[in-house]
Protein backbone atom coordinates (compact mmCIF):
# COMPACT_ATOMS: atom_id res chain seq x y z
CA MET A 1 14.97 2.07 11.00
CA LYS A 2 13.55 -0.88 12.98
CA SER A 3 9.96 -0.68 11.72
CA PHE A 4 8.38 0.56 8.48
CA LEU A 5 4.60 1.14 8.61
CA ASN A 6 3.97 4.82 8.16
CA VAL A 7 5.42 7.76 6.24
CA THR A 8 7.03 9.19 9.43
CA ASP A 9 9.19 6.06 9.72
CA LEU A 10 11.05 7.12 6.58
CA GLY A 11 12.05 10.59 7.87
CA ASP A 12 12.68 13.46 5.46
CA LEU A 13 10.83 12.66 2.22
CA ARG A 14 13.09 14.79 0.14
CA VAL A 15 16.09 12.84 1.29
CA ALA A 16 14.30 9.52 0.67
CA LEU A 17 13.36 10.60 -2.87
CA ASP A 18 16.90 11.56 -3.65
CA GLU A 19 17.97 8.10 -2.32
CA ALA A 20 15.37 6.53 -4.54
CA MET A 21 16.75 8.25 -7.61
CA GLU A 22 20.26 7.26 -6.61
CA ILE A 23 19.24 3.64 -6.36
CA LYS A 24 17.29 3.80 -9.62
CA ASN A 25 20.45 4.94 -11.43
CA ASP A 26 22.44 2.01 -9.83
CA ARG A 27 20.32 -0.68 -8.28
CA TYR A 28 23.28 -2.70 -7.15
CA LYS A 29 25.31 0.16 -5.63
CA TYR A 30 24.75 -1.29 -2.09
CA ALA A 31 24.93 -4.97 -3.00
CA GLU A 32 27.46 -5.65 -0.24
CA LEU A 33 25.25 -4.21 2.47
CA GLY A 34 22.96 -7.31 2.71
CA LYS A 35 25.79 -9.94 2.34
CA ASN A 36 25.10 -12.89 4.73
CA LYS A 37 21.77 -11.30 5.78
CA THR A 38 18.34 -13.00 5.21
CA ALA A 39 14.99 -11.41 4.51
CA LEU A 40 11.93 -13.43 5.40
CA LEU A 41 8.90 -12.33 3.41
CA VAL A 42 5.71 -13.67 5.10
CA PHE A 43 2.53 -13.59 2.99
CA PHE A 44 -0.87 -14.19 4.65
CA ASN A 45 -2.47 -13.05 1.38
CA ASN A 46 -1.88 -13.19 -2.37
CA SER A 47 0.59 -11.04 -4.13
CA LEU A 48 2.23 -10.33 -7.44
CA ARG A 49 4.00 -6.91 -7.42
CA THR A 50 4.82 -6.95 -3.78
CA ARG A 51 6.26 -10.45 -3.84
CA LEU A 52 8.37 -9.89 -6.97
CA SER A 53 9.48 -6.37 -6.23
CA THR A 54 10.46 -6.99 -2.65
CA GLN A 55 12.34 -10.14 -3.45
CA LYS A 56 14.15 -8.30 -6.24
CA ALA A 57 14.92 -5.37 -3.86
CA ALA A 58 16.41 -7.72 -1.25
CA GLN A 59 18.59 -9.39 -3.97
CA ASN A 60 19.73 -6.00 -5.18
CA LEU A 61 21.13 -5.53 -1.69
CA GLY A 62 22.86 -8.95 -1.68
CA MET A 63 20.46 -10.52 0.77
CA ASN A 64 19.25 -14.11 0.92
CA VAL A 65 15.44 -14.36 0.60
CA ILE A 66 12.98 -16.78 2.16
CA VAL A 67 9.28 -16.48 0.98
CA LEU A 68 6.68 -18.02 3.22
CA ASP A 69 3.07 -18.41 1.94
CA VAL A 70 1.24 -19.00 5.22
CA ASN A 71 -1.90 -20.29 3.50
CA ALA A 72 -0.09 -22.59 1.08
CA GLY A 73 2.18 -25.12 2.88
CA ALA A 74 2.38 -23.77 6.39
CA TRP A 75 0.19 -24.56 9.44
CA LYS A 76 -2.78 -22.42 9.83
CA LEU A 77 -1.96 -19.68 12.40
CA GLU A 78 -4.04 -18.43 15.28
CA ALA A 79 -3.53 -14.75 16.21
CA GLU A 80 -5.88 -14.31 19.17
CA ARG A 81 -4.69 -14.78 22.75
CA GLY A 82 -6.80 -16.79 25.18
CA VAL A 83 -8.67 -18.92 22.58
CA VAL A 84 -9.07 -22.63 22.90
CA MET A 85 -7.36 -23.88 19.78
CA ASP A 86 -9.81 -26.60 18.73
CA SER A 87 -10.38 -25.33 15.24
CA ASP A 88 -8.35 -25.84 12.03
CA LYS A 89 -5.62 -23.46 13.37
CA SER A 90 -2.88 -25.69 14.74
CA GLU A 91 -0.07 -23.12 15.53
CA HIS A 92 -0.10 -19.87 17.39
CA LEU A 93 1.67 -16.75 16.14
CA LEU A 94 3.29 -16.41 19.56
CA GLU A 95 5.38 -19.60 18.85
CA ALA A 96 5.55 -19.16 15.11
CA ILE A 97 6.96 -15.60 15.18
CA PRO A 98 10.11 -16.32 17.29
CA VAL A 99 10.74 -19.53 15.17
CA MET A 100 10.53 -17.50 12.00
CA ALA A 101 12.83 -14.85 13.49
CA SER A 102 15.43 -17.41 14.31
CA TYR A 103 15.98 -17.97 10.53
CA CYS A 104 16.33 -14.41 9.38
CA ASP A 105 17.53 -10.81 10.07
CA VAL A 106 14.59 -8.84 8.58
CA ILE A 107 10.87 -9.69 8.29
CA GLY A 108 8.34 -8.35 5.86
CA ILE A 109 4.64 -8.88 6.57
CA ARG A 110 1.65 -8.92 4.26
CA SER A 111 -1.71 -9.35 6.00
CA PHE A 112 -5.03 -7.86 4.87
CA ALA A 113 -7.95 -6.53 6.88
CA GLY A 114 -10.67 -8.98 7.87
CA LEU A 115 -13.22 -6.19 7.34
CA THR A 116 -15.46 -7.40 10.07
CA ASP A 117 -13.90 -5.89 13.25
CA ARG A 118 -12.70 -2.31 12.69
CA GLU A 119 -11.06 -2.03 16.11
CA TYR A 120 -9.02 -5.20 15.50
CA ASP A 121 -8.02 -4.20 11.95
CA TYR A 122 -6.98 -0.65 12.82
CA ALA A 123 -5.03 -1.80 15.87
CA GLU A 124 -2.74 -3.62 13.28
CA THR A 125 -2.80 -6.61 15.56
CA VAL A 126 -0.85 -9.04 13.37
CA TYR A 127 1.82 -6.58 12.44
CA HIS A 128 2.50 -5.46 15.94
CA GLN A 129 2.76 -9.02 17.18
CA PHE A 130 5.63 -9.52 14.75
CA VAL A 131 7.28 -6.33 16.00
CA LYS A 132 6.89 -7.34 19.64
CA TYR A 133 7.79 -11.03 19.45
CA SER A 134 10.31 -11.39 16.63
CA GLY A 135 13.15 -9.20 17.97
CA ARG A 136 13.82 -8.30 14.29
CA PRO A 137 13.22 -5.21 12.15
CA VAL A 138 9.78 -5.59 10.56
CA PHE A 139 8.42 -3.83 7.55
CA ALA A 140 4.93 -3.64 6.06
CA MET A 141 4.26 -5.25 2.61
CA GLU A 142 0.59 -4.19 3.13
CA THR A 143 -1.28 -4.56 6.36
CA ALA A 144 -4.87 -4.19 7.54
CA THR A 145 -4.75 -0.44 7.13
CA VAL A 146 -1.70 0.65 5.21
CA HIS A 147 0.47 -0.18 2.22
CA PRO A 148 3.44 2.14 2.59
CA LEU A 149 5.71 0.48 -0.04
CA GLN A 150 3.03 1.14 -2.58
CA ALA A 151 2.59 4.79 -1.47
CA PHE A 152 6.32 5.42 -1.59
CA ALA A 153 6.49 4.03 -5.13
CA ASP A 154 3.47 6.26 -5.98
CA LEU A 155 5.36 9.37 -4.66
CA ILE A 156 8.45 8.44 -6.64
CA THR A 157 6.30 8.12 -9.82
CA ILE A 158 4.68 11.51 -9.24
CA GLU A 159 8.01 13.09 -8.62
CA GLU A 160 9.36 11.68 -11.96
CA HIS A 161 6.37 12.79 -14.02
CA LYS A 162 5.19 16.08 -12.49
CA THR A 163 5.32 19.20 -14.64
CA ALA A 164 4.23 21.67 -11.95
CA LYS A 165 6.23 22.33 -8.77
CA ARG A 166 3.14 21.60 -6.68
CA PRO A 167 0.86 19.35 -8.77
CA LYS A 168 -2.81 18.72 -8.04
CA VAL A 169 -3.31 15.05 -7.06
CA VAL A 170 -6.74 13.49 -6.79
CA LEU A 171 -7.55 10.18 -5.05
CA THR A 172 -10.83 8.95 -6.41
CA TRP A 173 -13.01 6.12 -5.28
CA ALA A 174 -14.27 3.81 -8.06
CA PRO A 175 -16.77 0.92 -8.07
CA HIS A 176 -15.84 -2.71 -7.47
CA PRO A 177 -17.90 -5.95 -7.12
CA LYS A 178 -16.09 -6.98 -3.86
CA ALA A 179 -15.45 -5.34 -0.56
CA LEU A 180 -11.87 -4.17 -0.44
CA PRO A 181 -9.63 -2.86 2.43
CA GLN A 182 -8.70 0.75 2.84
CA ALA A 183 -4.96 0.13 3.07
CA VAL A 184 -3.95 1.55 -0.36
CA PRO A 185 -6.08 4.70 -0.17
CA ASN A 186 -5.10 5.28 3.55
CA SER A 187 -1.40 5.13 2.73
CA PHE A 188 -1.75 7.19 -0.45
CA ALA A 189 -3.55 9.91 1.51
CA GLU A 190 -1.03 9.84 4.32
CA TRP A 191 1.90 10.11 1.97
CA MET A 192 0.31 12.83 -0.20
CA ASN A 193 -0.34 14.89 2.85
CA ALA A 194 3.31 14.61 3.75
CA ALA A 195 4.39 15.64 0.23
CA ASP A 196 4.27 19.02 -1.41
CA VAL A 197 1.11 18.53 -3.52
CA ASP A 198 -2.41 19.98 -3.71
CA PHE A 199 -4.31 16.86 -2.52
CA VAL A 200 -8.00 16.13 -2.97
CA VAL A 201 -10.02 13.03 -2.12
CA THR A 202 -13.33 12.24 -3.83
CA HIS A 203 -15.83 9.53 -3.08
CA PRO A 204 -19.48 9.00 -2.52
CA GLU A 205 -20.94 9.81 0.93
CA GLY A 206 -20.32 7.04 3.46
CA TYR A 207 -16.87 6.17 2.19
CA GLU A 208 -15.05 8.76 4.32
CA LEU A 209 -11.45 7.55 5.13
CA ASP A 210 -10.13 7.69 8.67
CA PRO A 211 -9.24 11.34 9.56
CA ALA A 212 -5.87 10.22 10.72
CA PHE A 213 -4.98 9.48 7.05
CA VAL A 214 -7.04 12.13 5.29
CA GLY A 215 -5.28 14.85 7.27
CA ASN A 216 -5.62 18.27 5.61
CA ALA A 217 -6.81 16.98 2.26
CA ARG A 218 -9.85 18.52 0.69
CA VAL A 219 -12.73 16.06 0.46
CA GLU A 220 -15.02 16.65 -2.54
CA TYR A 221 -18.18 14.50 -3.10
CA ASP A 222 -18.54 15.73 -6.79
CA GLN A 223 -16.06 13.66 -8.74
CA MET A 224 -16.14 15.89 -11.78
CA LYS A 225 -15.43 18.94 -9.71
CA ALA A 226 -12.54 17.20 -7.91
CA PHE A 227 -10.93 16.26 -11.31
CA GLU A 228 -10.91 19.81 -12.62
CA GLY A 229 -7.34 20.88 -13.40
CA ALA A 230 -5.82 17.77 -11.80
CA ASP A 231 -2.29 16.71 -12.81
CA PHE A 232 -2.54 13.17 -11.38
CA ILE A 233 -5.61 10.89 -10.92
CA TYR A 234 -5.17 7.97 -8.55
CA ALA A 235 -8.17 5.57 -8.78
CA LYS A 236 -8.91 3.02 -6.10
CA ASN A 237 -11.89 1.23 -4.66
CA TRP A 238 -12.40 0.79 -0.89
CA SER A 239 -15.21 -0.54 1.25
CA CYS A 240 -16.90 1.54 3.87
CA PRO A 241 -14.23 2.60 6.47
CA GLY A 242 -16.82 2.87 9.23
CA VAL A 243 -16.00 6.46 10.13
CA THR A 244 -19.46 7.95 9.64
CA ARG A 245 -21.25 4.60 9.48
CA PRO A 246 -19.59 2.19 12.09
CA GLU A 247 -22.19 -0.49 11.63
CA GLN A 248 -21.32 -0.73 7.92
CA TYR A 249 -17.55 -1.12 8.25
CA GLY A 250 -16.11 -3.23 5.47
CA GLN A 251 -19.31 -3.25 3.42
CA ILE A 252 -20.27 -2.09 -0.09
CA LEU A 253 -22.96 0.59 0.50
CA GLU A 254 -24.63 0.29 -2.89
CA ASP A 255 -24.79 -2.13 -5.76
CA TYR A 256 -21.83 -1.25 -7.92
CA HIS A 257 -24.07 -1.22 -11.05
CA THR A 258 -25.66 1.97 -9.72
CA GLN A 259 -22.30 3.70 -9.34
CA LEU A 260 -20.55 3.02 -12.70
CA ASP A 261 -20.50 6.72 -13.37
CA TRP A 262 -17.61 6.81 -10.88
CA THR A 263 -15.51 4.58 -13.28
CA VAL A 264 -12.68 6.72 -14.51
CA SER A 265 -13.21 7.33 -18.23
CA GLU A 266 -12.36 9.88 -20.90
CA ARG A 267 -15.31 11.93 -19.63
CA GLN A 268 -13.61 12.66 -16.31
CA MET A 269 -10.05 12.87 -17.68
CA ALA A 270 -11.16 15.54 -20.21
CA VAL A 271 -11.49 18.15 -17.37
CA THR A 272 -8.01 17.41 -15.93
CA ASN A 273 -4.83 19.24 -16.77
CA ASN A 274 -3.76 16.53 -19.26
CA GLY A 275 -3.80 14.43 -16.13
CA LYS A 276 -1.76 11.22 -15.61
CA PHE A 277 -3.68 8.11 -14.54
CA MET A 278 -2.43 5.90 -11.62
CA HIS A 279 -3.54 2.73 -9.98
CA CYS A 280 -1.76 0.24 -7.73
CA LEU A 281 -2.82 -2.81 -9.82
CA PRO A 282 -4.35 -5.36 -10.23
CA VAL A 283 -7.20 -3.33 -11.70
CA ARG A 284 -10.64 -4.43 -12.97
CA ARG A 285 -10.98 -2.77 -16.33
CA ASN A 286 -14.23 -1.05 -17.12
CA MET A 287 -15.04 -0.98 -13.42
CA ILE A 288 -12.21 1.05 -11.95
CA VAL A 289 -11.11 2.57 -15.27
CA THR A 290 -12.02 2.18 -18.91
CA ASP A 291 -9.71 0.54 -21.49
CA ASP A 292 -9.00 3.80 -23.30
CA VAL A 293 -7.74 5.58 -20.18
CA ILE A 294 -5.57 2.80 -18.77
CA GLU A 295 -4.08 2.20 -22.32
CA SER A 296 -3.47 5.89 -23.02
CA PRO A 297 -0.03 7.54 -23.15
CA ASN A 298 -0.98 9.27 -19.87
CA SER A 299 -1.31 6.00 -17.96
CA LEU A 300 1.49 5.44 -15.42
CA VAL A 301 0.42 2.08 -14.07
CA ILE A 302 3.43 0.22 -15.45
CA PRO A 303 6.20 2.60 -14.41
CA GLU A 304 4.38 2.97 -11.08
CA ALA A 305 4.56 -0.85 -10.53
CA ALA A 306 8.16 -0.88 -11.61
CA ASN A 307 8.98 1.71 -8.87
CA ARG A 308 7.91 -0.84 -6.28
CA GLU A 309 11.35 -2.33 -6.65
CA ILE A 310 12.89 1.08 -5.95
CA SER A 311 10.73 1.86 -2.90
CA ALA A 312 11.46 -1.60 -1.39
CA THR A 313 15.19 -1.27 -1.98
CA VAL A 314 15.30 2.10 -0.20
CA VAL A 315 13.37 0.70 2.79
CA LEU A 316 15.47 -2.49 3.06
CA LYS A 317 18.69 -0.40 2.68
CA ARG A 318 17.61 1.80 5.63
CA ILE A 319 16.78 -1.26 7.73
CA LEU A 320 20.10 -3.00 6.94
CA GLU A 321 22.01 0.19 7.85
CA SER A 322 20.28 0.07 11.32
CA ILE A 323 21.20 -3.48 12.12
């Protein structure tokens, strides 16, 4: 595996899940695989779980790890070709990328959407520049449109906690004071479509996700109806994806104070099938979810976060095996 961006890059999900369980039972089973290999983790944006879990995963495999915070100690980087570099950006990615590659064997990239130019964001411009110019295997630690390590960890968590062979999984929009990217919901939708689950997406009108990610999921605009009989509730905010309203891409369509009825509370959870609550974290309490729901025995946010180490270990193992 030379690149990890989408669910198809991982191949057979059943095999990948079995591999995840194997690694969870013995995290250091493949500790010799990464000996004398170096992972460079490049962060254009802040991180807690992704940074810690991916670094731990690389160490599980015996790798050396270099972490680069681009916005804290490195030169500001220009990504566009043909620009006159007379701003505060003093280095171009076209030089920076091959330099970075000369110090490592594998590169992880975390770079969020700008939320102003949909075409630029959905082209995954920064990620694909690293693929093209590094000559190294590249994996996504969240990009403009996807967060596959999170979605893989989510799938592992559902597999561990499901009580039905084909559980009902609901992805629900929730209010937030800031405009957020669609990367997490995009990937969650993509991975749930690839898994054996009954998948439903619910959100207010105007927040329709890109059809490439929604796939065959049922879209329900009535949140309470969507929650009925659900086994898993995955809450996440996202800004307007610009599918039905291109001119409003990256925007919040209404003041969040008017949509607090979308906050996941005991009212919604009461109509589920003793549903488990999930969120990628960090989460804004009493905006995305109420205290009583996230602190309940049915909250999976902590084991879900812990599984980020497992998903990253599987992905890095696959990459190392291909080098």
